[in-house]
Amino acid sequence: MSGITKEQRIQSWNVQILVGRKRIAGVYQRDNLLSVADIAQELELCLIFDKPGAPWQPALLDDESKHLIILDHQNNLPFPTPDGLRDYTYVFHSPQCSRDLHSLADPCIRCATLPNRRADPRYQEIGKQSQDDRLSMVPLRKVATLKRRSTSASPVSQSPSPTKMSCLDEPIPRVVISPDEARPFINDFRANVLANWCTCVISGKGESWFRSGIVGPA
C-alpha cells in the first residue's frame, strides 16, 4: 500500500499553524482527540523556534477569534475542534498580560521567526552508514537486499533438508481458484477496501479525512 504525499497530508489538516503567511505545521483535530499539551509537545519535537527570552511563552493566536492559546505542556484540556479550516499564528506572549483577546500589534505579543527542523540523533538517513559502533554491524537496506538476492541466486543443494522432506509429506491444499482468476481480485483489493468502507476502526465516524477519499476513512 503506497503512502500519501505531503500535499495530501496538508489537505487533511483542519488546524494550520503559521509564521507570518507561511504554513509551518498542522494537525487534524476531531472530537477533542488532541490536548493543548499534545500540540505543544509535537511542535517542540519537530521544530526549533528562536525564543526571545525566558519569560516569553509560546502560544497560538487564533486568526479569526483572536483568542490566545498558551502552549503549556501541562495543559491537558482539549485543543479546540474547529468547524472548518482554522488558522493559528505561532507567537510568543508575555505572562504579565492576562487578557484573552489579542492582536499581533499588542506589546505583549512577539511574532516568531521561521523555525528550523529539529534533527533527532536517533534518525538515520536512508543510504547513510551510522558512525555508532553498536550499529555498524547492521547492513544498509540496499546491501541487505543485494545479499538476499545473491543468496536466492545461489545453486540449490542436491540434498534436501529434513524440513523440506517433512513438507513433502503434508497434503497439498486444494486450489479454489486459478491464479489467472485470482489476479484481478488481488490487484483490486486495496481500491475495493477504500471504496466500500463504512466506519473507521479508530474514530468510528466513517468520514474521509482527505477530501478525495482515496486514502481511507478517519
C-alpha atoms as a PDB file:
ATOM      1  CA  MET A   1       0.000   0.000   0.000  1.00  0.00           C
ATOM      2  CA  SER A   2       1.506   3.303  -1.034  1.00  0.00           C
ATOM      3  CA  GLY A   3       1.721   6.227   1.357  1.00  0.00           C
ATOM      4  CA  ILE A   4       0.151   9.635   0.934  1.00  0.00           C
ATOM      5  CA  THR A   5       2.024  12.630  -0.398  1.00  0.00           C
ATOM      6  CA  LYS A   6       2.968  15.750   1.547  1.00  0.00           C
ATOM      7  CA  GLU A   7       0.259  17.737  -0.241  1.00  0.00           C
ATOM      8  CA  GLN A   8      -2.384  15.136   0.618  1.00  0.00           C
ATOM      9  CA  ARG A   9      -1.338  15.266   4.254  1.00  0.00           C
ATOM     10  CA  ILE A  10      -1.580  19.074   4.270  1.00  0.00           C
ATOM     11  CA  GLN A  11      -5.062  18.969   2.743  1.00  0.00           C
ATOM     12  CA  SER A  12      -6.212  16.720   5.587  1.00  0.00           C
ATOM     13  CA  TRP A  13      -5.457  19.351   8.251  1.00  0.00           C
ATOM     14  CA  ASN A  14      -8.263  21.379   9.789  1.00  0.00           C
ATOM     15  CA  VAL A  15      -5.828  23.256  12.064  1.00  0.00           C
ATOM     16  CA  GLN A  16      -2.977  25.114  10.363  1.00  0.00           C
ATOM     17  CA  ILE A  17      -0.123  26.821  12.207  1.00  0.00           C
ATOM     18  CA  LEU A  18       1.502  29.809  10.530  1.00  0.00           C
ATOM     19  CA  VAL A  19       4.524  32.026  10.956  1.00  0.00           C
ATOM     20  CA  GLY A  20       3.686  35.191   9.074  1.00  0.00           C
ATOM     21  CA  ARG A  21       1.978  33.909   5.939  1.00  0.00           C
ATOM     22  CA  LYS A  22       3.937  30.666   5.766  1.00  0.00           C
ATOM     23  CA  ARG A  23       2.343  27.425   6.917  1.00  0.00           C
ATOM     24  CA  ILE A  24       4.779  25.522   9.136  1.00  0.00           C
ATOM     25  CA  ALA A  25       2.653  22.766  10.679  1.00  0.00           C
ATOM     26  CA  GLY A  26      -0.842  21.434  11.082  1.00  0.00           C
ATOM     27  CA  VAL A  27      -2.992  18.720  12.597  1.00  0.00           C
ATOM     28  CA  TYR A  28      -6.370  17.107  12.130  1.00  0.00           C
ATOM     29  CA  GLN A  29      -8.329  17.737  15.338  1.00  0.00           C
ATOM     30  CA  ARG A  30     -11.589  15.942  15.945  1.00  0.00           C
ATOM     31  CA  ASP A  31     -13.755  15.132  18.962  1.00  0.00           C
ATOM     32  CA  ASN A  32     -11.198  16.564  21.412  1.00  0.00           C
ATOM     33  CA  LEU A  33      -8.659  13.912  20.423  1.00  0.00           C
ATOM     34  CA  LEU A  34      -5.625  16.193  20.905  1.00  0.00           C
ATOM     35  CA  SER A  35      -4.941  18.264  24.003  1.00  0.00           C
ATOM     36  CA  VAL A  36      -3.099  21.576  24.207  1.00  0.00           C
ATOM     37  CA  ALA A  37      -0.171  19.656  25.712  1.00  0.00           C
ATOM     38  CA  ASP A  38      -0.165  17.296  22.712  1.00  0.00           C
ATOM     39  CA  ILE A  39       0.128  20.219  20.294  1.00  0.00           C
ATOM     40  CA  ALA A  40       2.872  21.839  22.383  1.00  0.00           C
ATOM     41  CA  GLN A  41       4.888  18.637  22.584  1.00  0.00           C
ATOM     42  CA  GLU A  42       4.555  17.824  18.887  1.00  0.00           C
ATOM     43  CA  LEU A  43       5.684  21.298  17.840  1.00  0.00           C
ATOM     44  CA  GLU A  44       8.669  21.137  20.176  1.00  0.00           C
ATOM     45  CA  LEU A  45       9.519  17.653  18.945  1.00  0.00           C
ATOM     46  CA  CYS A  46       9.637  18.704  15.285  1.00  0.00           C
ATOM     47  CA  LEU A  47      10.662  22.379  15.259  1.00  0.00           C
ATOM     48  CA  ILE A  48      13.149  24.716  16.952  1.00  0.00           C
ATOM     49  CA  PHE A  49      11.995  28.308  17.451  1.00  0.00           C
ATOM     50  CA  ASP A  50      14.182  31.280  18.308  1.00  0.00           C
ATOM     51  CA  LYS A  51      12.652  32.266  21.644  1.00  0.00           C
ATOM     52  CA  PRO A  52      13.030  35.953  22.586  1.00  0.00           C
ATOM     53  CA  GLY A  53      13.661  35.266  26.280  1.00  0.00           C
ATOM     54  CA  ALA A  54      12.817  33.104  29.281  1.00  0.00           C
ATOM     55  CA  PRO A  55       9.629  34.925  30.386  1.00  0.00           C
ATOM     56  CA  TRP A  56       8.031  34.745  26.955  1.00  0.00           C
ATOM     57  CA  GLN A  57       5.617  31.860  26.466  1.00  0.00           C
ATOM     58  CA  PRO A  58       4.990  30.115  23.126  1.00  0.00           C
ATOM     59  CA  ALA A  59       1.366  30.477  22.119  1.00  0.00           C
ATOM     60  CA  LEU A  60      -1.055  30.159  19.211  1.00  0.00           C
ATOM     61  CA  LEU A  61      -3.185  33.147  18.230  1.00  0.00           C
ATOM     62  CA  ASP A  62      -6.468  32.269  16.551  1.00  0.00           C
ATOM     63  CA  ASP A  63      -6.509  34.421  13.415  1.00  0.00           C
ATOM     64  CA  GLU A  64     -10.315  34.541  13.402  1.00  0.00           C
ATOM     65  CA  SER A  65     -11.455  34.823  17.024  1.00  0.00           C
ATOM     66  CA  LYS A  66      -8.211  36.438  18.319  1.00  0.00           C
ATOM     67  CA  HIS A  67      -8.215  34.086  21.310  1.00  0.00           C
ATOM     68  CA  LEU A  68      -4.788  33.096  22.582  1.00  0.00           C
ATOM     69  CA  ILE A  69      -3.825  29.531  23.491  1.00  0.00           C
ATOM     70  CA  ILE A  70      -0.687  29.229  25.633  1.00  0.00           C
ATOM     71  CA  LEU A  71       1.275  26.131  24.623  1.00  0.00           C
ATOM     72  CA  ASP A  72       1.557  24.721  28.128  1.00  0.00           C
ATOM     73  CA  HIS A  73       2.972  21.188  28.362  1.00  0.00           C
ATOM     74  CA  GLN A  74       0.857  20.593  31.474  1.00  0.00           C
ATOM     75  CA  ASN A  75      -2.438  21.692  29.909  1.00  0.00           C
ATOM     76  CA  ASN A  76      -4.428  18.536  29.213  1.00  0.00           C
ATOM     77  CA  LEU A  77      -7.567  20.391  28.178  1.00  0.00           C
ATOM     78  CA  PRO A  78      -8.661  19.535  24.630  1.00  0.00           C
ATOM     79  CA  PHE A  79      -7.436  21.734  21.823  1.00  0.00           C
ATOM     80  CA  PRO A  80     -10.446  23.446  20.181  1.00  0.00           C
ATOM     81  CA  THR A  81     -12.070  21.408  17.426  1.00  0.00           C
ATOM     82  CA  PRO A  82     -12.867  23.763  14.519  1.00  0.00           C
ATOM     83  CA  ASP A  83     -15.994  23.654  12.391  1.00  0.00           C
ATOM     84  CA  GLY A  84     -13.858  24.107   9.280  1.00  0.00           C
ATOM     85  CA  LEU A  85     -10.306  25.076   8.458  1.00  0.00           C
ATOM     86  CA  ARG A  86      -8.818  27.260  11.209  1.00  0.00           C
ATOM     87  CA  ASP A  87      -5.519  29.186  11.077  1.00  0.00           C
ATOM     88  CA  TYR A  88      -3.349  29.926  14.106  1.00  0.00           C
ATOM     89  CA  THR A  89      -0.275  32.149  14.191  1.00  0.00           C
ATOM     90  CA  TYR A  90       2.655  30.976  16.297  1.00  0.00           C
ATOM     91  CA  VAL A  91       3.705  33.800  18.640  1.00  0.00           C
ATOM     92  CA  PHE A  92       5.377  34.454  21.966  1.00  0.00           C
ATOM     93  CA  HIS A  93       3.326  36.007  24.766  1.00  0.00           C
ATOM     94  CA  SER A  94       4.314  37.905  27.890  1.00  0.00           C
ATOM     95  CA  PRO A  95       2.954  36.249  31.066  1.00  0.00           C
ATOM     96  CA  GLN A  96       2.388  39.702  32.579  1.00  0.00           C
ATOM     97  CA  CYS A  97      -0.671  40.112  30.356  1.00  0.00           C
ATOM     98  CA  SER A  98      -3.811  38.168  31.278  1.00  0.00           C
ATOM     99  CA  ARG A  99      -6.200  39.401  28.568  1.00  0.00           C
ATOM    100  CA  ASP A 100      -7.964  36.786  26.466  1.00  0.00           C
ATOM    101  CA  LEU A 101      -8.263  38.634  23.155  1.00  0.00           C
ATOM    102  CA  HIS A 102      -5.085  39.723  21.398  1.00  0.00           C
ATOM    103  CA  SER A 103      -3.714  41.005  18.123  1.00  0.00           C
ATOM    104  CA  LEU A 104      -0.278  40.824  16.550  1.00  0.00           C
ATOM    105  CA  ALA A 105       0.174  44.539  17.279  1.00  0.00           C
ATOM    106  CA  ASP A 106      -0.162  44.129  21.055  1.00  0.00           C
ATOM    107  CA  PRO A 107       3.010  44.921  23.056  1.00  0.00           C
ATOM    108  CA  CYS A 108       2.611  41.620  24.919  1.00  0.00           C
ATOM    109  CA  ILE A 109       2.964  39.687  21.641  1.00  0.00           C
ATOM    110  CA  ARG A 110       6.206  38.878  19.855  1.00  0.00           C
ATOM    111  CA  CYS A 111       5.976  37.410  16.361  1.00  0.00           C
ATOM    112  CA  ALA A 112       8.054  34.285  15.783  1.00  0.00           C
ATOM    113  CA  THR A 113      10.586  33.852  13.014  1.00  0.00           C
ATOM    114  CA  LEU A 114      10.599  30.781  10.803  1.00  0.00           C
ATOM    115  CA  PRO A 115      11.739  27.752  12.816  1.00  0.00           C
ATOM    116  CA  ASN A 116      14.341  25.136  11.973  1.00  0.00           C
ATOM    117  CA  ARG A 117      13.626  21.449  11.794  1.00  0.00           C
ATOM    118  CA  ARG A 118      14.801  19.521  14.821  1.00  0.00           C
ATOM    119  CA  ALA A 119      17.272  16.772  13.916  1.00  0.00           C
ATOM    120  CA  ASP A 120      16.889  13.701  16.097  1.00  0.00           C
ATOM    121  CA  PRO A 121      20.234  11.882  16.506  1.00  0.00           C
ATOM    122  CA  ARG A 122      18.352   8.574  16.505  1.00  0.00           C
ATOM    123  CA  TYR A 123      17.215   9.149  12.916  1.00  0.00           C
ATOM    124  CA  GLN A 124      19.457   7.664  10.244  1.00  0.00           C
ATOM    125  CA  GLU A 125      19.039   8.842   6.673  1.00  0.00           C
ATOM    126  CA  ILE A 126      18.478   6.160   4.060  1.00  0.00           C
ATOM    127  CA  GLY A 127      21.782   5.171   2.478  1.00  0.00           C
ATOM    128  CA  LYS A 128      23.891   6.700   5.274  1.00  0.00           C
ATOM    129  CA  GLN A 129      26.026   4.403   7.395  1.00  0.00           C
ATOM    130  CA  SER A 130      25.844   5.052  11.139  1.00  0.00           C
ATOM    131  CA  GLN A 131      29.019   6.159  12.920  1.00  0.00           C
ATOM    132  CA  ASP A 132      27.870   4.388  16.073  1.00  0.00           C
ATOM    133  CA  ASP A 133      29.952   1.231  16.566  1.00  0.00           C
ATOM    134  CA  ARG A 134      26.938  -0.502  18.086  1.00  0.00           C
ATOM    135  CA  LEU A 135      25.056  -0.119  14.798  1.00  0.00           C
ATOM    136  CA  SER A 136      27.922  -0.644  12.355  1.00  0.00           C
ATOM    137  CA  MET A 137      27.136  -4.352  12.172  1.00  0.00           C
ATOM    138  CA  VAL A 138      23.659  -3.632  10.801  1.00  0.00           C
ATOM    139  CA  PRO A 139      23.736  -3.648   6.966  1.00  0.00           C
ATOM    140  CA  LEU A 140      22.141  -0.895   4.940  1.00  0.00           C
ATOM    141  CA  ARG A 141      18.831  -1.623   3.253  1.00  0.00           C
ATOM    142  CA  LYS A 142      20.383  -1.781  -0.219  1.00  0.00           C
ATOM    143  CA  VAL A 143      23.205  -4.056   0.933  1.00  0.00           C
ATOM    144  CA  ALA A 144      20.802  -6.385   2.697  1.00  0.00           C
ATOM    145  CA  THR A 145      18.636  -6.588  -0.422  1.00  0.00           C
ATOM    146  CA  LEU A 146      21.630  -7.459  -2.598  1.00  0.00           C
ATOM    147  CA  LYS A 147      22.677 -10.160  -0.146  1.00  0.00           C
ATOM    148  CA  ARG A 148      19.215 -11.699  -0.195  1.00  0.00           C
ATOM    149  CA  ARG A 149      19.207 -11.706  -3.985  1.00  0.00           C
ATOM    150  CA  SER A 150      22.657 -13.252  -4.056  1.00  0.00           C
ATOM    151  CA  THR A 151      21.573 -15.970  -1.661  1.00  0.00           C
ATOM    152  CA  SER A 152      18.450 -16.749  -3.666  1.00  0.00           C
ATOM    153  CA  ALA A 153      20.507 -16.980  -6.860  1.00  0.00           C
ATOM    154  CA  SER A 154      22.992 -19.478  -5.384  1.00  0.00           C
ATOM    155  CA  PRO A 155      22.833 -23.110  -6.590  1.00  0.00           C
ATOM    156  CA  VAL A 156      20.293 -25.240  -4.767  1.00  0.00           C
ATOM    157  CA  SER A 157      21.747 -28.043  -2.682  1.00  0.00           C
ATOM    158  CA  GLN A 158      21.033 -31.513  -4.027  1.00  0.00           C
ATOM    159  CA  SER A 159      20.414 -32.925  -0.546  1.00  0.00           C
ATOM    160  CA  PRO A 160      17.033 -31.748   0.777  1.00  0.00           C
ATOM    161  CA  SER A 161      16.844 -30.658   4.379  1.00  0.00           C
ATOM    162  CA  PRO A 162      14.695 -32.550   6.901  1.00  0.00           C
ATOM    163  CA  THR A 163      12.282 -29.617   6.982  1.00  0.00           C
ATOM    164  CA  LYS A 164      11.727 -29.801   3.233  1.00  0.00           C
ATOM    165  CA  MET A 165      11.254 -33.553   3.412  1.00  0.00           C
ATOM    166  CA  SER A 166       8.574 -33.173   6.086  1.00  0.00           C
ATOM    167  CA  CYS A 167       6.807 -30.567   3.931  1.00  0.00           C
ATOM    168  CA  LEU A 168       6.624 -33.045   1.074  1.00  0.00           C
ATOM    169  CA  ASP A 169       4.678 -35.434   3.273  1.00  0.00           C
ATOM    170  CA  GLU A 170       1.994 -32.842   4.049  1.00  0.00           C
ATOM    171  CA  PRO A 171      -1.125 -32.814   1.863  1.00  0.00           C
ATOM    172  CA  ILE A 172      -1.220 -30.075  -0.756  1.00  0.00           C
ATOM    173  CA  PRO A 173      -4.236 -27.779  -0.136  1.00  0.00           C
ATOM    174  CA  ARG A 174      -6.892 -27.769  -2.825  1.00  0.00           C
ATOM    175  CA  VAL A 175      -6.820 -24.693  -5.074  1.00  0.00           C
ATOM    176  CA  VAL A 176     -10.227 -22.996  -5.010  1.00  0.00           C
ATOM    177  CA  ILE A 177      -9.436 -20.505  -7.774  1.00  0.00           C
ATOM    178  CA  SER A 178      -6.889 -20.398 -10.561  1.00  0.00           C
ATOM    179  CA  PRO A 179      -4.031 -17.850 -10.465  1.00  0.00           C
ATOM    180  CA  ASP A 180      -5.416 -16.097 -13.540  1.00  0.00           C
ATOM    181  CA  GLU A 181      -8.811 -15.693 -11.874  1.00  0.00           C
ATOM    182  CA  ALA A 182      -7.271 -14.582  -8.582  1.00  0.00           C
ATOM    183  CA  ARG A 183      -5.041 -11.872 -10.038  1.00  0.00           C
ATOM    184  CA  PRO A 184      -7.817  -9.266 -10.641  1.00  0.00           C
ATOM    185  CA  PHE A 185      -9.076  -9.712  -7.068  1.00  0.00           C
ATOM    186  CA  ILE A 186      -5.560  -9.212  -5.703  1.00  0.00           C
ATOM    187  CA  ASN A 187      -4.943  -6.135  -7.844  1.00  0.00           C
ATOM    188  CA  ASP A 188      -8.267  -4.521  -6.925  1.00  0.00           C
ATOM    189  CA  PHE A 189      -8.222  -5.413  -3.218  1.00  0.00           C
ATOM    190  CA  ARG A 190      -6.903  -2.075  -1.879  1.00  0.00           C
ATOM    191  CA  ALA A 191      -9.160   0.050  -4.081  1.00  0.00           C
ATOM    192  CA  ASN A 192     -12.194  -2.052  -3.160  1.00  0.00           C
ATOM    193  CA  VAL A 193     -11.488  -1.768   0.571  1.00  0.00           C
ATOM    194  CA  LEU A 194     -11.256   2.023   0.335  1.00  0.00           C
ATOM    195  CA  ALA A 195     -14.342   2.229  -1.854  1.00  0.00           C
ATOM    196  CA  ASN A 196     -16.512   0.126   0.470  1.00  0.00           C
ATOM    197  CA  TRP A 197     -15.526   1.348   3.931  1.00  0.00           C
ATOM    198  CA  CYS A 198     -18.285   2.466   6.261  1.00  0.00           C
ATOM    199  CA  THR A 199     -16.559   3.322   9.533  1.00  0.00           C
ATOM    200  CA  CYS A 200     -13.038   3.927  10.736  1.00  0.00           C
ATOM    201  CA  VAL A 201     -11.598   1.411  13.187  1.00  0.00           C
ATOM    202  CA  ILE A 202     -10.198   4.291  15.287  1.00  0.00           C
ATOM    203  CA  SER A 203     -12.845   7.006  15.367  1.00  0.00           C
ATOM    204  CA  GLY A 204     -15.901   5.022  14.264  1.00  0.00           C
ATOM    205  CA  LYS A 205     -17.171   8.067  12.363  1.00  0.00           C
ATOM    206  CA  GLY A 206     -16.939   6.806   8.817  1.00  0.00           C
ATOM    207  CA  GLU A 207     -15.911  10.036   7.130  1.00  0.00           C
ATOM    208  CA  SER A 208     -12.835  10.529   4.992  1.00  0.00           C
ATOM    209  CA  TRP A 209     -10.263  12.900   6.478  1.00  0.00           C
ATOM    210  CA  PHE A 210      -8.985  13.593   2.956  1.00  0.00           C
ATOM    211  CA  ARG A 211     -11.369  15.223   0.501  1.00  0.00           C
ATOM    212  CA  SER A 212     -10.750  12.859  -2.405  1.00  0.00           C
ATOM    213  CA  GLY A 213     -11.477   9.876  -0.195  1.00  0.00           C
ATOM    214  CA  ILE A 214      -8.708   7.790  -1.764  1.00  0.00           C
ATOM    215  CA  VAL A 215      -6.759   7.233   1.439  1.00  0.00           C
ATOM    216  CA  GLY A 216      -9.455   5.780   3.634  1.00  0.00           C
ATOM    217  CA  PRO A 217     -11.752   6.963   6.401  1.00  0.00           C
ATOM    218  CA  ALA A 218     -10.837   8.860   9.546  1.00  0.00           C
END
